[in-house]
N, C-alpha and C. Protein backbone atom coordinates (compact mmCIF):
# COMPACT_ATOMS: atom_id res chain seq x y z
N MET A 1 119.28 142.44 46.61
CA MET A 1 119.64 143.57 46.73
C MET A 1 121.30 143.73 47.47
N LYS A 2 122.12 144.33 46.34
CA LYS A 2 123.27 144.42 47.00
C LYS A 2 123.53 145.86 47.90
N ILE A 3 123.94 145.70 49.34
CA ILE A 3 123.89 146.89 49.93
C ILE A 3 125.19 147.48 49.60
N LEU A 4 126.45 146.74 49.49
CA LEU A 4 127.57 147.05 49.10
C LEU A 4 128.37 146.49 48.29
N GLU A 5 129.13 147.15 47.36
CA GLU A 5 130.02 146.53 46.45
C GLU A 5 130.99 147.19 46.37
N VAL A 6 132.27 146.11 46.18
CA VAL A 6 133.60 146.73 46.55
C VAL A 6 134.44 146.03 45.46
N GLN A 7 134.70 147.05 44.48
CA GLN A 7 135.55 146.26 43.26
C GLN A 7 136.90 146.88 43.04
N ASP A 8 137.68 145.79 43.16
CA ASP A 8 139.26 145.95 42.95
C ASP A 8 139.60 147.41 43.45
N ILE A 9 139.79 147.37 45.15
CA ILE A 9 140.17 148.79 45.45
C ILE A 9 141.64 148.16 45.88
N LYS A 10 142.46 149.37 45.77
CA LYS A 10 144.01 149.37 45.73
C LYS A 10 144.35 150.25 46.64
N LYS A 11 145.30 150.47 47.39
CA LYS A 11 145.91 151.30 48.50
C LYS A 11 147.25 151.24 48.73
N LYS A 12 148.12 151.97 48.56
CA LYS A 12 149.47 152.19 48.91
C LYS A 12 149.82 153.39 49.99
N TYR A 13 150.56 153.24 51.00
CA TYR A 13 150.89 154.22 51.96
C TYR A 13 152.43 154.44 52.02
N LYS A 14 152.80 155.55 52.03
CA LYS A 14 154.44 156.10 52.13
C LYS A 14 154.53 155.93 53.67
N THR A 15 155.41 155.20 54.03
CA THR A 15 155.70 154.83 55.36
C THR A 15 156.77 155.74 55.74
N ASP A 16 157.58 156.19 54.79
CA ASP A 16 158.63 157.05 55.22
C ASP A 16 159.04 157.69 53.83
N PHE A 17 159.62 158.90 54.29
CA PHE A 17 159.96 160.00 53.27
C PHE A 17 160.93 159.37 52.24
N TYR A 18 162.08 158.61 52.63
CA TYR A 18 162.74 157.86 51.51
C TYR A 18 162.51 156.65 51.11
N LYS A 19 161.59 156.28 51.61
CA LYS A 19 161.08 154.70 51.23
C LYS A 19 159.89 154.91 50.27
N LYS A 20 159.81 153.58 49.20
CA LYS A 20 158.99 153.40 48.40
C LYS A 20 157.66 153.18 49.25
N PRO A 21 156.35 153.88 48.43
CA PRO A 21 155.12 153.29 49.05
C PRO A 21 155.10 151.93 49.08
N GLN A 22 154.62 151.63 50.47
CA GLN A 22 153.94 150.11 50.77
C GLN A 22 152.73 149.85 50.51
N THR A 23 152.33 148.80 49.75
CA THR A 23 150.95 148.33 49.16
C THR A 23 150.28 147.77 50.28
N ILE A 24 149.17 148.11 50.51
CA ILE A 24 148.28 147.60 51.67
C ILE A 24 147.24 146.90 50.95
N LEU A 25 146.64 147.27 50.20
CA LEU A 25 145.72 146.58 49.64
C LEU A 25 145.66 146.34 47.86
N LYS A 26 145.70 144.96 47.65
CA LYS A 26 146.10 144.58 46.23
C LYS A 26 144.96 144.16 45.44
N GLY A 27 143.95 145.02 45.50
CA GLY A 27 142.74 144.55 44.47
C GLY A 27 141.46 143.97 45.58
N ILE A 28 141.15 144.00 46.31
CA ILE A 28 140.09 143.96 47.05
C ILE A 28 138.70 144.04 46.60
N SER A 29 137.76 142.82 46.38
CA SER A 29 136.63 143.07 45.95
C SER A 29 135.63 141.99 46.53
N PHE A 30 134.42 142.49 46.82
CA PHE A 30 133.52 141.66 47.52
C PHE A 30 131.98 142.53 47.31
N SER A 31 131.29 141.79 48.14
CA SER A 31 129.91 142.42 47.93
C SER A 31 129.30 141.79 49.33
N VAL A 32 128.07 142.66 49.83
CA VAL A 32 127.41 141.95 50.99
C VAL A 32 125.83 142.41 50.51
N ASP A 33 124.87 141.41 50.69
CA ASP A 33 123.68 141.58 50.02
C ASP A 33 122.76 142.00 51.04
N LYS A 34 121.73 142.62 51.15
CA LYS A 34 120.68 142.79 52.11
C LYS A 34 120.59 141.60 52.86
N GLY A 35 120.66 142.18 54.48
CA GLY A 35 120.18 140.76 55.16
C GLY A 35 121.45 139.85 55.68
N GLN A 36 122.38 139.90 55.12
CA GLN A 36 123.62 139.33 55.04
C GLN A 36 124.64 139.90 56.28
N PHE A 37 125.07 138.76 57.14
CA PHE A 37 126.10 139.09 58.10
C PHE A 37 127.30 138.61 57.71
N VAL A 38 128.16 139.36 57.31
CA VAL A 38 129.42 139.00 56.94
C VAL A 38 130.62 139.29 57.70
N GLY A 39 131.47 138.36 58.20
CA GLY A 39 132.56 138.34 58.91
C GLY A 39 133.82 138.60 57.79
N PHE A 40 134.78 139.66 57.97
CA PHE A 40 135.62 140.25 57.51
C PHE A 40 137.08 140.03 58.24
N ILE A 41 137.64 138.68 57.89
CA ILE A 41 138.69 137.93 58.54
C ILE A 41 139.90 138.23 58.14
N GLY A 42 140.90 138.28 58.80
CA GLY A 42 142.28 138.32 58.68
C GLY A 42 143.18 138.36 59.71
N PRO A 43 144.54 138.20 59.30
CA PRO A 43 145.26 138.47 60.67
C PRO A 43 145.64 140.06 60.77
N ASN A 44 146.44 140.42 62.05
CA ASN A 44 146.94 141.69 62.35
C ASN A 44 147.42 142.09 61.01
N GLY A 45 147.29 143.33 60.43
CA GLY A 45 147.89 143.98 59.38
C GLY A 45 147.56 143.50 58.23
N ALA A 46 146.61 142.80 58.17
CA ALA A 46 146.10 142.33 56.68
C ALA A 46 145.54 143.41 55.88
N GLY A 47 144.84 144.29 56.47
CA GLY A 47 144.37 145.61 55.66
C GLY A 47 142.94 145.65 56.07
N LYS A 48 142.35 144.94 56.89
CA LYS A 48 140.85 145.01 57.24
C LYS A 48 140.53 146.44 57.48
N THR A 49 141.25 147.04 58.29
CA THR A 49 140.86 148.28 58.77
C THR A 49 141.16 149.46 57.66
N THR A 50 142.07 149.22 56.93
CA THR A 50 142.33 150.17 55.54
C THR A 50 141.42 150.04 54.73
N THR A 51 140.73 148.67 54.29
CA THR A 51 139.59 148.64 53.76
C THR A 51 138.59 149.12 54.07
N ILE A 52 137.96 148.95 55.25
CA ILE A 52 136.87 149.68 55.83
C ILE A 52 137.17 151.28 55.69
N LYS A 53 138.13 151.89 56.03
CA LYS A 53 138.41 153.11 55.81
C LYS A 53 137.94 153.80 54.32
N CYS A 54 138.78 152.97 53.42
CA CYS A 54 138.39 153.40 51.93
C CYS A 54 136.94 153.22 51.57
N ILE A 55 136.36 152.18 51.99
CA ILE A 55 134.88 152.02 51.86
C ILE A 55 133.90 153.16 52.31
N LEU A 56 134.32 153.89 53.49
CA LEU A 56 133.70 154.65 53.78
C LEU A 56 134.23 156.21 53.83
N GLU A 57 135.36 156.23 52.82
CA GLU A 57 135.84 157.66 52.50
C GLU A 57 136.50 157.98 53.26
N PHE A 58 137.20 157.51 54.67
CA PHE A 58 137.87 158.29 55.45
C PHE A 58 139.42 158.19 55.08
N VAL A 59 139.80 157.53 54.07
CA VAL A 59 141.08 157.57 53.21
C VAL A 59 140.44 157.21 51.82
N PHE A 60 141.30 157.64 50.93
CA PHE A 60 140.86 157.40 49.78
C PHE A 60 141.73 156.06 49.02
N ALA A 61 141.11 155.02 48.19
CA ALA A 61 141.58 154.38 47.43
C ALA A 61 142.49 154.73 46.25
N ASP A 62 143.38 154.21 46.13
CA ASP A 62 144.14 154.48 44.83
C ASP A 62 143.58 154.34 43.55
N SER A 63 142.83 153.19 43.75
CA SER A 63 141.74 153.04 42.62
C SER A 63 140.85 151.63 43.06
N GLY A 64 139.71 151.63 42.15
CA GLY A 64 139.04 150.64 42.41
C GLY A 64 137.56 151.53 42.80
N LYS A 65 136.52 150.82 42.88
CA LYS A 65 135.27 151.38 43.05
C LYS A 65 134.37 151.11 44.18
N VAL A 66 133.58 151.68 44.82
CA VAL A 66 132.95 151.21 46.29
C VAL A 66 131.24 151.85 45.74
N LEU A 67 130.52 150.79 45.99
CA LEU A 67 128.98 151.38 45.60
C LEU A 67 128.26 151.07 46.90
N PHE A 68 127.35 152.05 47.34
CA PHE A 68 126.45 151.81 48.16
C PHE A 68 125.27 151.71 48.10
N PHE A 69 124.28 150.88 47.90
CA PHE A 69 122.86 150.92 47.58
C PHE A 69 122.81 151.15 46.12
N GLY A 70 124.01 150.34 45.46
CA GLY A 70 124.11 150.58 43.92
C GLY A 70 124.49 152.04 43.42
N GLU A 71 125.13 152.75 44.19
CA GLU A 71 125.59 154.18 43.55
C GLU A 71 126.55 154.47 44.40
N PRO A 72 127.58 155.22 44.01
CA PRO A 72 128.76 155.92 44.67
C PRO A 72 128.36 156.51 45.97
N PHE A 73 129.33 156.58 47.15
CA PHE A 73 129.00 157.08 48.40
C PHE A 73 128.43 158.59 48.36
N LYS A 74 127.55 158.90 48.75
CA LYS A 74 126.68 160.32 48.99
C LYS A 74 126.69 160.36 50.29
N LEU A 75 126.72 161.87 50.81
CA LEU A 75 126.36 162.26 52.04
C LEU A 75 124.90 162.07 52.56
N GLU A 76 123.97 161.59 51.67
CA GLU A 76 122.64 161.12 51.98
C GLU A 76 122.93 159.79 52.50
N HIS A 77 124.20 158.90 52.22
CA HIS A 77 123.84 157.62 52.72
C HIS A 77 124.55 157.59 54.31
N ARG A 78 125.10 158.31 55.05
CA ARG A 78 125.21 158.31 56.18
C ARG A 78 124.34 158.15 57.09
N ALA A 79 122.90 158.51 56.70
CA ALA A 79 121.75 158.19 58.01
C ALA A 79 121.51 156.74 57.62
N ARG A 80 121.57 156.09 56.38
CA ARG A 80 121.40 154.77 56.26
C ARG A 80 122.62 153.89 56.67
N LEU A 81 123.59 154.44 57.19
CA LEU A 81 124.71 153.21 57.71
C LEU A 81 124.89 153.81 59.18
N GLY A 82 125.44 152.51 59.88
CA GLY A 82 125.87 152.81 61.31
C GLY A 82 127.45 152.31 61.28
N PHE A 83 128.18 152.94 62.01
CA PHE A 83 129.47 152.58 62.16
C PHE A 83 130.20 152.68 63.63
N LEU A 84 130.97 151.53 63.94
CA LEU A 84 131.87 151.53 64.78
C LEU A 84 133.08 151.36 64.74
N PRO A 85 134.19 152.23 64.72
CA PRO A 85 135.22 152.16 64.56
C PRO A 85 136.17 151.22 65.22
N GLU A 86 137.11 150.90 65.14
CA GLU A 86 138.24 149.86 65.77
C GLU A 86 138.35 150.70 67.14
N ARG A 87 138.84 151.89 67.16
CA ARG A 87 139.44 152.78 68.49
C ARG A 87 138.56 153.66 68.30
N PRO A 88 137.06 153.52 68.80
CA PRO A 88 136.25 154.69 68.86
C PRO A 88 136.50 155.89 69.64
N PHE A 89 136.28 157.13 69.36
CA PHE A 89 136.61 158.22 70.26
C PHE A 89 135.48 158.77 70.98
N PHE A 90 135.49 158.85 72.25
CA PHE A 90 134.20 159.32 72.86
C PHE A 90 134.62 160.60 73.78
N GLN A 91 133.72 161.32 73.53
CA GLN A 91 133.57 162.79 74.08
C GLN A 91 133.28 162.36 75.54
N GLU A 92 134.42 162.38 76.32
CA GLU A 92 134.21 161.94 77.80
C GLU A 92 133.47 162.82 78.70
N PHE A 93 133.27 164.11 78.37
CA PHE A 93 132.75 165.12 79.01
C PHE A 93 131.13 164.93 78.71
N LEU A 94 130.72 164.27 77.58
CA LEU A 94 129.50 164.09 77.79
C LEU A 94 128.71 163.01 78.32
N THR A 95 127.15 163.10 78.64
CA THR A 95 126.73 161.69 78.84
C THR A 95 126.31 160.71 77.93
N GLY A 96 125.80 159.60 78.44
CA GLY A 96 125.61 158.85 77.11
C GLY A 96 124.59 159.14 76.34
N ILE A 97 123.36 159.83 76.95
CA ILE A 97 122.26 160.40 76.20
C ILE A 97 122.60 161.60 75.27
N GLU A 98 123.70 162.35 75.70
CA GLU A 98 123.88 163.52 74.97
C GLU A 98 125.16 162.94 73.96
N PHE A 99 125.91 162.03 74.26
CA PHE A 99 126.80 161.28 73.05
C PHE A 99 125.72 160.78 71.97
N LEU A 100 124.62 160.11 72.42
CA LEU A 100 123.83 159.82 71.19
C LEU A 100 122.85 160.65 70.61
N LYS A 101 122.68 161.85 71.29
CA LYS A 101 121.92 163.17 70.57
C LYS A 101 122.88 163.40 69.57
N LEU A 102 124.24 163.81 69.87
CA LEU A 102 125.24 164.27 68.92
C LEU A 102 125.28 163.60 67.73
N HIS A 103 125.40 162.35 68.04
CA HIS A 103 125.39 161.22 66.60
C HIS A 103 123.99 161.46 65.80
N TRP A 104 123.07 161.35 66.52
CA TRP A 104 121.74 161.60 65.79
C TRP A 104 121.68 162.73 65.01
N ASN A 105 122.34 164.03 65.79
CA ASN A 105 122.20 165.33 64.51
C ASN A 105 122.94 165.13 63.77
N LEU A 106 124.31 164.62 63.78
CA LEU A 106 125.19 164.53 62.45
C LEU A 106 124.68 163.56 61.62
N CYS A 107 123.92 162.81 61.92
CA CYS A 107 123.08 162.29 60.93
C CYS A 107 121.72 162.77 60.08
N GLN A 108 121.68 164.12 60.64
CA GLN A 108 120.80 164.97 60.23
C GLN A 108 118.95 164.41 60.37
N LYS A 109 118.69 163.48 61.47
CA LYS A 109 117.65 162.93 61.68
C LYS A 109 116.79 164.36 62.41
N PRO A 110 115.33 163.94 62.08
CA PRO A 110 114.44 164.90 62.74
C PRO A 110 114.47 164.49 64.32
N SER A 111 114.57 165.82 65.15
CA SER A 111 114.57 165.63 66.41
C SER A 111 113.53 164.98 67.10
N GLY A 112 112.43 165.00 66.42
CA GLY A 112 111.16 164.53 67.30
C GLY A 112 111.08 162.92 67.73
N ASP A 113 111.76 162.30 67.09
CA ASP A 113 111.90 160.62 67.49
C ASP A 113 112.99 160.38 68.22
N PHE A 114 114.06 161.37 68.67
CA PHE A 114 114.95 161.15 69.46
C PHE A 114 114.96 160.29 70.51
N VAL A 115 113.80 160.74 71.58
CA VAL A 115 113.63 160.16 72.91
C VAL A 115 113.43 158.73 72.92
N ALA A 116 112.45 158.34 71.75
CA ALA A 116 112.15 156.81 71.34
C ALA A 116 113.23 156.24 71.00
N ALA A 117 113.93 156.46 70.10
CA ALA A 117 114.88 155.78 69.75
C ALA A 117 116.22 155.68 70.70
N ALA A 118 116.41 156.82 71.15
CA ALA A 118 117.48 156.57 72.33
C ALA A 118 117.07 155.32 73.52
N GLU A 119 115.82 155.46 73.89
CA GLU A 119 115.58 154.47 74.74
C GLU A 119 115.28 153.22 74.18
N LYS A 120 115.12 153.00 72.88
CA LYS A 120 115.17 151.46 72.39
C LYS A 120 116.61 151.00 72.45
N VAL A 121 117.44 151.94 71.60
CA VAL A 121 118.85 151.36 71.82
C VAL A 121 119.79 151.26 73.25
N LEU A 122 119.27 152.25 74.00
CA LEU A 122 120.03 151.87 75.34
C LEU A 122 119.55 150.67 75.93
N THR A 123 118.11 150.20 75.67
CA THR A 123 117.48 149.03 76.40
C THR A 123 118.36 147.66 75.57
N GLN A 124 118.53 147.85 74.28
CA GLN A 124 118.96 147.12 73.55
C GLN A 124 120.49 146.68 73.85
N VAL A 125 121.51 147.62 74.48
CA VAL A 125 122.65 147.58 74.75
C VAL A 125 123.06 147.47 76.19
N LYS A 126 121.47 147.33 76.88
CA LYS A 126 121.75 147.33 78.28
C LYS A 126 122.37 148.49 78.95
N LEU A 127 122.16 149.66 78.49
CA LEU A 127 122.67 150.83 79.23
C LEU A 127 121.86 151.97 79.71
N SER A 128 120.38 151.36 79.75
CA SER A 128 119.39 152.53 80.21
C SER A 128 120.03 153.21 81.53
N HIS A 129 120.41 152.36 82.53
CA HIS A 129 120.68 152.79 83.92
C HIS A 129 121.52 154.01 83.74
N ALA A 130 122.51 153.98 82.66
CA ALA A 130 123.75 154.80 82.59
C ALA A 130 123.48 155.95 81.57
N LYS A 131 122.40 156.26 81.18
CA LYS A 131 122.40 157.14 80.15
C LYS A 131 122.75 158.79 80.63
N ASN A 132 122.61 159.01 81.77
CA ASN A 132 122.87 160.36 82.41
C ASN A 132 124.20 160.54 83.26
N LYS A 133 125.28 159.31 82.99
CA LYS A 133 126.44 159.10 83.35
C LYS A 133 127.36 159.61 82.38
N LYS A 134 128.44 160.48 83.00
CA LYS A 134 129.50 160.95 81.81
C LYS A 134 130.12 159.78 81.34
N LEU A 135 130.27 159.83 80.01
CA LEU A 135 131.22 158.78 79.51
C LEU A 135 132.61 158.53 80.11
N LYS A 136 133.20 159.38 80.71
CA LYS A 136 134.38 159.18 81.33
C LYS A 136 134.41 158.25 82.63
N GLU A 137 133.01 158.09 83.02
CA GLU A 137 132.58 156.95 84.11
C GLU A 137 132.35 155.52 83.74
N TYR A 138 132.26 155.52 82.13
CA TYR A 138 131.99 154.11 81.78
C TYR A 138 133.23 153.30 81.91
N SER A 139 132.89 151.85 81.87
CA SER A 139 133.90 150.98 81.63
C SER A 139 134.16 150.86 80.28
N LYS A 140 135.26 150.21 80.11
CA LYS A 140 135.73 149.93 78.53
C LYS A 140 134.43 148.88 77.72
N GLY A 141 133.80 147.83 78.57
CA GLY A 141 132.64 147.14 78.13
C GLY A 141 131.47 148.31 77.61
N MET A 142 131.58 149.24 78.87
CA MET A 142 130.04 150.09 78.77
C MET A 142 130.20 150.99 77.45
N LEU A 143 131.73 151.53 77.11
CA LEU A 143 131.85 152.33 75.86
C LEU A 143 131.76 151.62 74.74
N GLN A 144 131.92 150.29 74.66
CA GLN A 144 131.74 149.64 73.39
C GLN A 144 130.27 149.50 73.14
N ARG A 145 129.76 149.19 74.11
CA ARG A 145 127.95 149.07 74.06
C ARG A 145 127.48 150.73 73.63
N ILE A 146 127.99 151.67 74.12
CA ILE A 146 127.70 153.01 73.72
C ILE A 146 127.79 153.07 72.61
N GLY A 147 128.79 152.71 71.89
CA GLY A 147 129.25 152.86 70.61
C GLY A 147 128.60 152.19 69.59
N ILE A 148 128.00 150.78 69.95
CA ILE A 148 127.18 150.06 69.17
C ILE A 148 125.92 150.74 69.26
N ALA A 149 125.21 151.50 70.26
CA ALA A 149 124.12 152.24 70.41
C ALA A 149 123.98 153.40 69.56
N GLN A 150 125.19 154.32 69.50
CA GLN A 150 125.29 155.24 68.55
C GLN A 150 125.25 154.80 67.18
N ALA A 151 125.94 153.61 66.70
CA ALA A 151 125.48 152.92 65.16
C ALA A 151 124.23 152.77 64.69
N LEU A 152 123.43 152.27 66.22
CA LEU A 152 122.01 152.10 65.79
C LEU A 152 120.89 153.06 66.02
N ILE A 153 121.24 154.01 66.35
CA ILE A 153 120.58 155.02 66.95
C ILE A 153 119.53 155.43 65.54
N THR A 154 120.19 155.69 64.48
CA THR A 154 119.35 156.28 63.11
C THR A 154 118.68 155.10 62.64
N LYS A 155 118.38 153.84 63.37
CA LYS A 155 117.91 152.98 62.81
C LYS A 155 118.42 152.46 60.89
N PRO A 156 119.68 152.29 60.82
CA PRO A 156 120.34 152.03 59.88
C PRO A 156 120.09 150.81 58.98
N GLU A 157 120.39 151.03 57.84
CA GLU A 157 119.94 149.62 57.13
C GLU A 157 121.06 148.60 56.88
N PHE A 158 122.30 149.30 57.30
CA PHE A 158 123.80 148.78 57.07
C PHE A 158 124.67 149.07 58.15
N LEU A 159 125.33 148.01 58.97
CA LEU A 159 126.01 148.38 60.06
C LEU A 159 127.35 147.80 59.80
N ILE A 160 128.31 148.65 60.04
CA ILE A 160 129.73 147.98 59.67
C ILE A 160 130.61 148.33 61.17
N PHE A 161 130.92 147.33 61.71
CA PHE A 161 131.85 147.13 62.91
C PHE A 161 133.01 146.78 62.70
N ASP A 162 134.14 147.57 63.10
CA ASP A 162 135.38 147.24 63.02
C ASP A 162 136.12 146.71 64.49
N GLU A 163 135.97 145.48 64.79
CA GLU A 163 136.35 144.67 65.85
C GLU A 163 135.73 145.38 67.24
N PRO A 164 134.57 145.05 67.00
CA PRO A 164 133.32 145.55 68.19
C PRO A 164 134.09 144.68 69.69
N MET A 165 134.62 143.94 69.82
CA MET A 165 135.16 143.05 70.66
C MET A 165 136.59 143.07 71.45
N SER A 166 137.25 144.08 70.68
CA SER A 166 138.29 144.46 71.12
C SER A 166 138.63 145.00 72.56
N GLY A 167 139.56 144.45 73.33
CA GLY A 167 139.63 144.80 74.26
C GLY A 167 138.70 144.58 75.58
N LEU A 168 137.79 143.56 75.15
CA LEU A 168 136.65 143.43 76.23
C LEU A 168 136.90 142.03 77.05
N ASP A 169 136.49 141.97 78.33
CA ASP A 169 136.49 140.97 79.09
C ASP A 169 135.67 139.74 78.68
N PRO A 170 135.84 138.58 79.10
CA PRO A 170 134.75 137.81 78.73
C PRO A 170 133.15 137.93 78.85
N ASP A 171 132.98 138.57 79.95
CA ASP A 171 131.49 139.07 80.14
C ASP A 171 130.93 139.80 79.07
N GLY A 172 132.10 141.13 78.83
CA GLY A 172 131.81 142.15 77.96
C GLY A 172 131.63 141.25 76.42
N ARG A 173 132.57 140.16 76.07
CA ARG A 173 132.15 139.63 74.84
C ARG A 173 130.84 138.93 74.64
N ILE A 174 130.80 138.37 75.56
CA ILE A 174 129.39 137.43 75.51
C ILE A 174 128.12 138.53 75.34
N LEU A 175 128.30 139.38 76.04
CA LEU A 175 126.92 140.92 75.85
C LEU A 175 127.10 141.34 74.22
N ILE A 176 128.19 141.47 73.79
CA ILE A 176 128.49 142.02 72.59
C ILE A 176 127.86 140.98 71.51
N LYS A 177 128.36 139.69 71.68
CA LYS A 177 127.70 138.66 71.12
C LYS A 177 126.48 138.33 70.91
N GLN A 178 125.89 138.51 72.06
CA GLN A 178 124.25 138.48 72.41
C GLN A 178 123.53 139.42 71.56
N ILE A 179 124.19 140.84 71.23
CA ILE A 179 123.55 142.21 70.53
C ILE A 179 123.74 141.70 69.23
N LEU A 180 124.79 141.33 68.82
CA LEU A 180 125.17 140.77 67.58
C LEU A 180 124.12 139.73 67.20
N ARG A 181 123.88 138.89 67.78
CA ARG A 181 123.03 137.47 67.52
C ARG A 181 121.57 138.10 67.25
N ASN A 182 121.04 139.06 68.18
CA ASN A 182 119.94 139.65 68.12
C ASN A 182 119.72 140.35 66.64
N LEU A 183 120.80 141.40 66.52
CA LEU A 183 120.91 142.15 65.04
C LEU A 183 120.78 140.94 64.08
N LYS A 184 121.30 140.08 63.99
CA LYS A 184 121.34 139.10 62.82
C LYS A 184 119.84 138.53 62.65
N GLU A 185 119.43 137.98 63.94
CA GLU A 185 118.04 137.55 63.76
C GLU A 185 117.09 138.64 63.27
N ASN A 186 116.93 139.68 63.47
CA ASN A 186 116.17 140.80 62.84
C ASN A 186 116.62 141.18 61.59
N LYS A 187 117.47 140.32 60.98
CA LYS A 187 117.63 140.42 59.35
C LYS A 187 118.60 141.76 59.02
N MET A 188 119.38 142.35 60.15
CA MET A 188 120.28 143.37 59.98
C MET A 188 121.38 143.19 59.09
N THR A 189 121.65 144.05 58.10
CA THR A 189 122.74 143.70 57.29
C THR A 189 124.08 144.05 57.97
N ILE A 190 125.15 143.48 58.27
CA ILE A 190 126.29 143.81 58.85
C ILE A 190 127.60 143.14 58.05
N LEU A 191 128.73 143.91 58.43
CA LEU A 191 129.99 143.72 57.81
C LEU A 191 130.85 144.05 59.24
N MET A 192 131.44 142.97 59.53
CA MET A 192 132.07 143.10 60.94
C MET A 192 133.45 142.30 60.63
N SER A 193 134.60 143.23 61.03
CA SER A 193 136.01 142.54 61.03
C SER A 193 136.13 142.12 62.35
């Protein structure tokens, strides 16, 4: 079963008022099957993040088609997807558990299962001890891990990670790799740039 199908998406951006639009994506096509761990690789500026933004409709492609679970993206799909952006924004005044609750509510999950789901993902990313700390007190590695936790909180069928190890120290990279390896062993479908 195809979880994601990207068909010939193209995108141009106007970088300056007087300049012609710059072509960023020149017809990107690929698919991700259920249970696959797909690495989306390319040099800086190649269009990886733009492709992900087009897939998730944060920006709109000029042409092409994107299908999730065999159909165009719908609001209902957000509960089936987990996403960690390249530069996540964290509401630093929230605690780890409050941050997870915010994302749980954004995905419109019933509140009855939240406590168990939060404990599970916090254990998975090794942040149970910091759930009541404000995010402004988290290190860079802890913020990346709480970002992964928010992507996992709703038990999604498909995860999209945009450079989840960006800016991490060697210990942080090792821990994130271990988390990703565990997700892969559990047959989670993942697209990671």
